[in-house]
Amino acid sequence: MKLLESYIMRRVIQMFLVALLPVLAIIWTTQVLNRINLVTDNGQSVGSFMKLATLILPTIIPIVLPFAAVIGVSQTLTSMNNDSELTVIEAAGASRWTIIRPVIILAGVLSLFSFTIDNLIEPKVRVAAREMVAATYADLLSSVIEEKTFRRVEDGLYIQISERHSGRVLKGLLVADSRDPAFDLIYYAREGAVNAEGTALIMHDGEVHRKIPGGNVSIIRFDSYSFDLSDLTQSRGQTTLRPGDRSLAYLLNPDPDDKNVREDPGAYRAELHRRLTEWSFPLLFSLVALVIAGDARSHRDARLHPLISALSISFLLRWASFYSANQAESRPFFILVMYAVPLIAGGCLIYLLMAHRKLKIPASVTRLSSEAWQQALKLRKDDAAKGGQS
């Protein structure tokens, strides 16, 4: 690589990291805070929380990466144009590939990195995160609940224990269940234990208070009572794998006996084609930045700031892909649209680069904007004149 190309790549990488790291940190922080209840509600250690936070990070990198690329490329080239560096490069007779080549190489590396994360790393960390949360909920009653502390298991269900003994034995049980709006139940028991399957809480020597909305309370004493936990453990103690958690190999050949695949095959089909298309966005967005900011231009040109233009086009392409992926779950036609967005946009951008065409504001748009601005100024003067006369 030539010295000038290395200089351009170094500047693009620096600006790329400046754009990537703060945005990645902000999004990662918001995602982590959404799961802070793993520590506050379920008594998990800070180490478990940090492990979960680390597992979240690979899931957001492919989303932020393309936009960091377009910001890094467009802002670097704009700065070089403002400092007349692009003008000097052209005046020196350097090929346009001196500017294009380092950007394309970096964008290609970022696209391969995005493909690796999206298809190899992200499914594994998603499964690991789900298994971690599921194990936390499955072990909630037998080991997590602290002694002499009320703990919310789910909305409307609270449990307190006085002592915990070996063999999953619990002393001094109090269970408050208000999940059914028709009545409230409060269980007291001297002793209890969660069965080996984790599907029931067996209470001994206690009573249950049943209160109806009218205020009447009925009390029933029992020697042994089984409190059903099967719904709770099935919904919160087991790992439910979604299409985004599956590997690329599984999406290419899903198990026909999988219940989730039979119930929603469109979701798996859409996820497969999303994986095969969205990895190209770092390259596609870098092409957008090259077309908009890759040539030396006069500061007198009537145009938006290149960064705004590049981001606007990138957001439009990203929205089109996201919308197509959502629609493809129920309408297979949009699978073609998912591939058409990067292919057609990429083809048009490559043509503009090869033909040395520049994206300019059309003269008609400039003229209409100027006329609308003059008309607005005239109306403002007329209003001011009428206000002075009155």
Protein backbone atom coordinates (compact mmCIF):
# COMPACT_ATOMS: atom_id res chain seq x y z
CA MET A 1 0.00 0.00 0.00
CA LYS A 2 1.30 3.44 -0.95
CA LEU A 3 2.20 6.05 1.62
CA LEU A 4 -0.78 8.26 0.70
CA GLU A 5 -3.19 5.33 0.87
CA SER A 6 -1.84 4.37 4.31
CA TYR A 7 -2.35 7.96 5.44
CA ILE A 8 -5.98 7.94 4.29
CA MET A 9 -6.69 4.55 5.88
CA ARG A 10 -5.14 5.62 9.17
CA ARG A 11 -7.31 8.74 9.31
CA VAL A 12 -10.45 6.78 8.38
CA ILE A 13 -9.74 4.16 11.08
CA GLN A 14 -9.22 6.87 13.71
CA MET A 15 -12.49 8.60 12.83
CA PHE A 16 -14.26 5.23 12.63
CA LEU A 17 -13.21 4.38 16.19
CA VAL A 18 -14.18 7.84 17.41
CA ALA A 19 -17.68 7.27 16.01
CA LEU A 20 -17.97 3.60 17.01
CA LEU A 21 -16.85 3.49 20.62
CA PRO A 22 -19.09 6.21 22.18
CA VAL A 23 -22.23 5.04 20.35
CA LEU A 24 -21.46 1.42 21.19
CA ALA A 25 -20.95 2.33 24.85
CA ILE A 26 -24.26 4.23 25.04
CA ILE A 27 -26.33 1.46 23.43
CA TRP A 28 -24.56 -1.22 25.46
CA THR A 29 -25.24 0.69 28.69
CA THR A 30 -28.96 1.01 27.93
CA GLN A 31 -29.21 -2.70 27.13
CA VAL A 32 -27.35 -3.63 30.31
CA LEU A 33 -29.55 -1.41 32.48
CA ASN A 34 -32.62 -3.16 31.12
CA ARG A 35 -31.29 -6.35 32.74
CA ILE A 36 -30.24 -4.88 36.07
CA ASN A 37 -33.12 -6.77 37.70
CA LEU A 38 -30.98 -9.91 37.43
CA VAL A 39 -29.06 -8.54 40.41
CA THR A 40 -31.73 -6.50 42.23
CA ASP A 41 -34.62 -8.97 41.99
CA ASN A 42 -32.92 -12.35 41.89
CA GLY A 43 -30.00 -11.95 44.25
CA GLN A 44 -27.30 -12.65 41.68
CA SER A 45 -23.73 -11.49 42.18
CA VAL A 46 -22.12 -8.57 40.38
CA GLY A 47 -19.90 -11.10 38.61
CA SER A 48 -22.96 -12.79 37.08
CA PHE A 49 -24.30 -9.42 36.01
CA MET A 50 -21.00 -8.47 34.34
CA LYS A 51 -20.90 -11.82 32.56
CA LEU A 52 -24.38 -11.19 31.17
CA ALA A 53 -23.35 -7.65 30.17
CA THR A 54 -20.36 -9.07 28.27
CA LEU A 55 -22.60 -11.52 26.44
CA ILE A 56 -24.83 -8.66 25.30
CA LEU A 57 -22.01 -6.73 23.60
CA PRO A 58 -21.65 -8.89 20.42
CA THR A 59 -25.38 -8.56 19.70
CA ILE A 60 -25.18 -4.78 19.16
CA ILE A 61 -21.87 -4.52 17.27
CA PRO A 62 -23.35 -5.47 13.82
CA ILE A 63 -26.00 -2.76 14.23
CA VAL A 64 -23.58 0.06 15.06
CA LEU A 65 -20.69 -0.98 12.79
CA PRO A 66 -22.10 0.19 9.40
CA PHE A 67 -23.05 3.65 10.71
CA ALA A 68 -19.63 4.10 12.31
CA ALA A 69 -18.13 3.22 8.92
CA VAL A 70 -20.14 5.81 7.00
CA ILE A 71 -19.37 8.47 9.61
CA GLY A 72 -15.65 7.65 9.60
CA VAL A 73 -15.32 7.71 5.80
CA SER A 74 -17.51 10.74 5.07
CA GLN A 75 -16.10 12.87 7.90
CA THR A 76 -12.48 12.04 6.99
CA LEU A 77 -12.98 12.86 3.31
CA THR A 78 -14.88 16.04 4.15
CA SER A 79 -12.05 17.20 6.42
CA MET A 80 -9.52 16.44 3.70
CA ASN A 81 -11.57 18.43 1.20
CA ASN A 82 -11.87 21.39 3.59
CA ASP A 83 -8.09 21.33 4.07
CA SER A 84 -7.63 21.20 0.25
CA GLU A 85 -5.91 17.80 0.53
CA LEU A 86 -8.22 16.20 -2.03
CA THR A 87 -7.53 19.09 -4.40
CA VAL A 88 -3.78 18.62 -4.04
CA ILE A 89 -4.11 14.87 -4.63
CA GLU A 90 -6.03 15.46 -7.86
CA ALA A 91 -3.66 18.23 -8.98
CA ALA A 92 -0.69 15.90 -8.42
CA GLY A 93 -2.16 13.50 -10.95
CA ALA A 94 -2.89 10.72 -8.47
CA SER A 95 -5.48 8.14 -9.49
CA ARG A 96 -8.89 8.21 -7.86
CA TRP A 97 -8.09 4.71 -6.63
CA THR A 98 -5.62 6.32 -4.25
CA ILE A 99 -8.67 7.46 -2.27
CA ILE A 100 -11.04 4.61 -3.10
CA ARG A 101 -8.71 1.64 -2.47
CA PRO A 102 -8.01 2.12 1.28
CA VAL A 103 -11.68 2.79 1.99
CA ILE A 104 -12.80 -0.33 0.09
CA ILE A 105 -10.18 -2.50 1.85
CA LEU A 106 -11.27 -1.28 5.28
CA ALA A 107 -14.97 -1.64 4.40
CA GLY A 108 -14.38 -5.18 3.16
CA VAL A 109 -12.64 -6.13 6.41
CA LEU A 110 -15.50 -4.62 8.43
CA SER A 111 -18.07 -6.54 6.36
CA LEU A 112 -16.26 -9.84 6.97
CA PHE A 113 -16.01 -9.00 10.66
CA SER A 114 -19.74 -8.24 10.74
CA PHE A 115 -20.52 -11.56 9.00
CA THR A 116 -18.37 -13.45 11.54
CA ILE A 117 -20.07 -11.86 14.52
CA ASP A 118 -23.58 -12.15 13.09
CA ASN A 119 -23.30 -15.80 12.08
CA LEU A 120 -20.72 -17.40 14.35
CA ILE A 121 -20.39 -15.44 17.58
CA GLU A 122 -23.77 -13.78 18.20
CA PRO A 123 -25.91 -17.00 18.14
CA LYS A 124 -23.62 -18.61 20.73
CA VAL A 125 -23.62 -15.66 23.12
CA ARG A 126 -27.40 -15.29 22.75
CA VAL A 127 -27.89 -18.92 23.79
CA ALA A 128 -25.42 -18.53 26.65
CA ALA A 129 -27.27 -15.43 27.91
CA ARG A 130 -30.66 -17.16 27.74
CA GLU A 131 -29.35 -20.23 29.56
CA MET A 132 -27.86 -18.02 32.24
CA VAL A 133 -31.14 -16.18 32.85
CA ALA A 134 -33.12 -19.43 32.73
CA ALA A 135 -30.83 -21.08 35.29
CA THR A 136 -31.24 -18.06 37.56
CA TYR A 137 -35.03 -18.32 37.55
CA ALA A 138 -35.03 -22.10 37.88
CA ASP A 139 -32.91 -21.88 41.05
CA LEU A 140 -34.81 -18.92 42.47
CA LEU A 141 -36.72 -20.67 45.28
CA SER A 142 -34.20 -23.27 46.36
CA SER A 143 -31.09 -21.11 46.72
CA VAL A 144 -31.50 -17.46 45.75
CA ILE A 145 -34.22 -16.17 48.10
CA GLU A 146 -32.63 -14.63 51.16
CA GLU A 147 -33.76 -15.50 54.65
CA LYS A 148 -36.24 -13.13 56.36
CA THR A 149 -36.62 -11.05 53.19
CA PHE A 150 -39.68 -10.70 50.96
CA ARG A 151 -38.82 -11.60 47.39
CA ARG A 152 -40.96 -10.96 44.32
CA VAL A 153 -40.94 -14.09 42.17
CA GLU A 154 -43.25 -12.55 39.54
CA ASP A 155 -46.03 -9.97 39.47
CA GLY A 156 -48.47 -10.76 42.27
CA LEU A 157 -46.37 -13.56 43.83
CA TYR A 158 -44.14 -12.91 46.86
CA ILE A 159 -42.31 -15.38 49.11
CA GLN A 160 -40.51 -15.06 52.45
CA ILE A 161 -38.63 -17.74 54.39
CA SER A 162 -37.21 -17.66 57.93
CA GLU A 163 -34.49 -20.28 57.56
CA ARG A 164 -32.92 -22.44 54.86
CA HIS A 165 -31.66 -25.92 55.72
CA SER A 166 -29.83 -28.56 53.74
CA GLY A 167 -31.75 -30.83 51.41
CA ARG A 168 -33.82 -27.92 49.96
CA VAL A 169 -35.75 -27.65 53.26
CA LEU A 170 -37.27 -24.23 54.05
CA LYS A 171 -38.50 -23.11 57.50
CA GLY A 172 -41.10 -20.45 58.29
CA LEU A 173 -42.74 -20.05 54.88
CA LEU A 174 -45.02 -17.16 53.88
CA VAL A 175 -46.42 -17.01 50.35
CA ALA A 176 -48.63 -14.12 49.14
CA ASP A 177 -50.41 -14.84 45.84
CA SER A 178 -52.58 -12.12 44.29
CA ARG A 179 -52.22 -13.13 40.64
CA ASP A 180 -55.91 -14.04 40.38
CA PRO A 181 -58.05 -10.85 40.53
CA ALA A 182 -60.98 -12.86 41.96
CA PHE A 183 -59.28 -13.53 45.30
CA ASP A 184 -56.04 -13.18 47.29
CA LEU A 185 -54.29 -16.12 48.91
CA ILE A 186 -51.80 -16.05 51.78
CA TYR A 187 -50.06 -19.27 52.82
CA TYR A 188 -48.31 -19.83 56.16
CA ALA A 189 -46.33 -23.01 56.86
CA ARG A 190 -43.84 -24.13 59.46
CA GLU A 191 -41.82 -26.08 56.92
CA GLY A 192 -41.60 -26.67 53.20
CA ALA A 193 -39.35 -27.80 50.37
CA VAL A 194 -39.09 -27.50 46.59
CA ASN A 195 -39.33 -30.91 44.94
CA ALA A 196 -36.45 -32.26 42.90
CA GLU A 197 -38.09 -31.27 39.60
CA GLY A 198 -38.66 -27.70 40.78
CA THR A 199 -42.32 -27.90 39.78
CA ALA A 200 -43.93 -27.70 43.23
CA LEU A 201 -43.42 -26.19 46.67
CA ILE A 202 -44.51 -28.76 49.28
CA MET A 203 -45.63 -27.04 52.52
CA HIS A 204 -46.28 -28.81 55.87
CA ASP A 205 -48.24 -27.80 58.97
CA GLY A 206 -49.78 -24.51 57.96
CA GLU A 207 -52.85 -22.66 56.84
CA VAL A 208 -54.10 -20.70 53.84
CA HIS A 209 -56.11 -17.47 54.05
CA ARG A 210 -58.44 -16.80 51.14
CA LYS A 211 -59.80 -13.26 50.79
CA ILE A 212 -62.46 -12.32 48.22
CA PRO A 213 -63.11 -8.74 46.95
CA GLY A 214 -66.06 -8.31 49.33
CA GLY A 215 -63.69 -8.58 52.31
CA ASN A 216 -64.70 -12.04 53.56
CA VAL A 217 -61.79 -14.24 54.62
CA SER A 218 -61.81 -18.03 54.87
CA ILE A 219 -59.06 -19.94 56.69
CA ILE A 220 -58.13 -23.54 55.98
CA ARG A 221 -55.56 -25.48 57.99
CA PHE A 222 -53.53 -28.21 56.33
CA ASP A 223 -50.99 -30.84 57.23
CA SER A 224 -49.51 -30.90 53.73
CA TYR A 225 -50.13 -28.65 50.72
CA SER A 226 -48.57 -28.59 47.26
CA PHE A 227 -48.13 -25.15 45.68
CA ASP A 228 -47.85 -25.54 41.89
CA LEU A 229 -44.75 -23.97 40.33
CA SER A 230 -44.90 -25.69 36.95
CA ASP A 231 -46.12 -22.64 35.02
CA LEU A 232 -43.46 -20.51 36.63
CA THR A 233 -40.56 -22.86 35.97
CA GLN A 234 -41.68 -23.65 32.44
CA SER A 235 -41.92 -20.00 31.43
CA ARG A 236 -38.89 -18.72 33.30
CA GLY A 237 -36.66 -21.67 34.05
CA GLN A 238 -36.25 -23.09 30.58
CA THR A 239 -34.38 -21.75 27.61
CA THR A 240 -36.59 -20.86 24.65
CA LEU A 241 -34.50 -20.50 21.49
CA ARG A 242 -35.62 -17.97 18.91
CA PRO A 243 -34.58 -17.72 15.25
CA GLY A 244 -31.88 -15.18 16.14
CA ASP A 245 -30.32 -17.70 18.54
CA ARG A 246 -29.84 -20.35 15.90
CA SER A 247 -26.61 -20.95 13.97
CA LEU A 248 -26.36 -20.35 10.25
CA ALA A 249 -26.08 -24.11 9.64
CA TYR A 250 -29.36 -24.69 11.50
CA LEU A 251 -31.13 -21.92 9.56
CA LEU A 252 -29.96 -23.43 6.28
CA ASN A 253 -31.38 -26.82 7.31
CA PRO A 254 -33.89 -26.39 10.18
CA ASP A 255 -35.21 -29.40 12.04
CA PRO A 256 -38.71 -30.16 10.65
CA ASP A 257 -39.68 -31.68 14.02
CA ASP A 258 -38.85 -28.48 15.91
CA LYS A 259 -42.08 -27.12 17.38
CA ASN A 260 -41.02 -23.49 16.92
CA VAL A 261 -40.09 -24.07 13.28
CA ARG A 262 -43.49 -25.65 12.57
CA GLU A 263 -45.36 -22.84 14.30
CA ASP A 264 -43.48 -19.94 12.67
CA PRO A 265 -41.40 -21.05 9.67
CA GLY A 266 -41.46 -17.54 8.22
CA ALA A 267 -39.43 -16.16 11.12
CA TYR A 268 -36.64 -18.67 10.49
CA ARG A 269 -36.72 -18.00 6.75
CA ALA A 270 -36.51 -14.24 7.29
CA GLU A 271 -33.67 -14.62 9.81
CA LEU A 272 -31.66 -16.71 7.35
CA HIS A 273 -31.88 -14.14 4.57
CA ARG A 274 -31.22 -11.30 7.01
CA ARG A 275 -27.95 -13.00 7.97
CA LEU A 276 -27.02 -13.35 4.29
CA THR A 277 -27.65 -9.69 3.40
CA GLU A 278 -27.00 -7.36 6.33
CA TRP A 279 -23.29 -8.19 6.63
CA SER A 280 -22.72 -6.14 3.45
CA PHE A 281 -23.86 -2.83 4.96
CA PRO A 282 -20.39 -1.61 6.09
CA LEU A 283 -19.24 -1.92 2.48
CA LEU A 284 -22.45 -0.43 1.09
CA PHE A 285 -22.41 2.55 3.46
CA SER A 286 -18.74 3.19 2.71
CA LEU A 287 -19.62 3.38 -0.99
CA VAL A 288 -22.29 5.95 -0.12
CA ALA A 289 -19.68 8.05 1.69
CA LEU A 290 -17.22 7.74 -1.23
CA VAL A 291 -19.78 8.89 -3.80
CA ILE A 292 -20.84 11.86 -1.70
CA ALA A 293 -17.51 13.03 -0.24
CA GLY A 294 -14.82 11.31 -2.29
CA ASP A 295 -14.14 14.13 -4.76
CA ALA A 296 -12.64 17.57 -4.34
CA ARG A 297 -15.40 20.17 -4.43
CA SER A 298 -15.63 23.89 -4.15
CA HIS A 299 -16.98 25.29 -0.90
CA ARG A 300 -19.44 27.31 -3.00
CA ASP A 301 -21.32 24.20 -4.14
CA ALA A 302 -24.95 24.26 -3.03
CA ARG A 303 -25.18 21.05 -1.05
CA LEU A 304 -25.89 19.69 2.39
CA HIS A 305 -23.00 18.73 4.62
CA PRO A 306 -21.66 15.42 3.24
CA LEU A 307 -22.05 13.68 6.60
CA ILE A 308 -25.75 14.57 6.74
CA SER A 309 -26.32 13.40 3.17
CA ALA A 310 -24.42 10.14 3.70
CA LEU A 311 -26.21 9.36 6.96
CA SER A 312 -29.61 10.15 5.44
CA ILE A 313 -29.08 7.75 2.55
CA SER A 314 -27.64 5.10 4.90
CA PHE A 315 -30.62 5.35 7.25
CA LEU A 316 -32.97 5.00 4.27
CA LEU A 317 -31.19 1.86 3.05
CA ARG A 318 -31.09 0.41 6.57
CA TRP A 319 -34.79 1.10 7.07
CA ALA A 320 -35.64 -0.55 3.73
CA SER A 321 -33.71 -3.67 4.74
CA PHE A 322 -35.23 -3.76 8.23
CA TYR A 323 -38.76 -3.31 6.88
CA SER A 324 -38.25 -6.02 4.26
CA ALA A 325 -36.92 -8.46 6.87
CA ASN A 326 -39.99 -7.92 9.05
CA GLN A 327 -42.38 -8.31 6.14
CA ALA A 328 -40.58 -11.42 4.87
CA GLU A 329 -41.82 -13.38 7.90
CA SER A 330 -45.33 -13.40 6.45
CA ARG A 331 -44.78 -12.36 2.82
CA PRO A 332 -42.02 -14.30 0.99
CA PHE A 333 -41.92 -11.70 -1.81
CA PHE A 334 -39.96 -9.38 0.47
CA ILE A 335 -37.06 -11.85 0.50
CA LEU A 336 -36.29 -10.58 -3.01
CA VAL A 337 -36.47 -7.03 -1.71
CA MET A 338 -33.94 -7.88 1.03
CA TYR A 339 -31.41 -8.86 -1.66
CA ALA A 340 -32.46 -6.10 -4.06
CA VAL A 341 -31.71 -3.30 -1.59
CA PRO A 342 -27.93 -3.91 -1.28
CA LEU A 343 -27.51 -5.19 -4.86
CA ILE A 344 -29.29 -2.34 -6.64
CA ALA A 345 -27.97 0.35 -4.32
CA GLY A 346 -24.45 -1.08 -4.54
CA GLY A 347 -24.64 -1.28 -8.34
CA CYS A 348 -25.77 2.33 -8.64
CA LEU A 349 -23.04 3.53 -6.27
CA ILE A 350 -20.32 1.60 -8.13
CA TYR A 351 -21.55 3.07 -11.42
CA LEU A 352 -21.38 6.61 -10.01
CA LEU A 353 -17.83 5.98 -8.78
CA MET A 354 -16.65 4.46 -12.05
CA ALA A 355 -18.34 7.14 -14.17
CA HIS A 356 -16.92 9.89 -11.95
CA ARG A 357 -20.40 11.24 -11.38
CA LYS A 358 -21.14 13.55 -8.47
CA LEU A 359 -24.29 13.67 -6.41
CA LYS A 360 -25.58 17.21 -6.64
CA ILE A 361 -28.73 18.96 -5.61
CA PRO A 362 -30.85 19.12 -8.80
CA ALA A 363 -31.12 22.60 -10.28
CA SER A 364 -34.92 22.41 -10.12
CA VAL A 365 -34.80 21.65 -6.39
CA THR A 366 -32.38 24.52 -5.81
CA ARG A 367 -34.59 26.91 -7.80
CA LEU A 368 -37.79 25.86 -6.00
CA SER A 369 -36.10 26.14 -2.62
CA SER A 370 -34.87 29.63 -3.45
CA GLU A 371 -38.30 30.72 -4.64
CA ALA A 372 -39.96 29.30 -1.52
CA TRP A 373 -37.44 31.12 0.70
CA GLN A 374 -38.00 34.43 -1.12
CA GLN A 375 -41.76 33.99 -0.84
CA ALA A 376 -41.47 33.32 2.90
CA LEU A 377 -39.38 36.48 3.36
CA LYS A 378 -41.93 38.50 1.41
CA LEU A 379 -44.82 37.20 3.52
CA ARG A 380 -42.88 38.01 6.67
CA LYS A 381 -42.28 41.61 5.49
CA ASP A 382 -45.96 42.01 4.60
CA ASP A 383 -47.02 40.76 8.04
CA ALA A 384 -44.59 43.11 9.70
CA ALA A 385 -45.91 46.05 7.63
CA LYS A 386 -49.52 45.26 8.54
CA GLY A 387 -48.57 45.01 12.20
CA GLY A 388 -46.91 48.46 12.08
CA GLN A 389 -49.96 50.10 10.49
CA SER A 390 -52.32 48.67 13.08
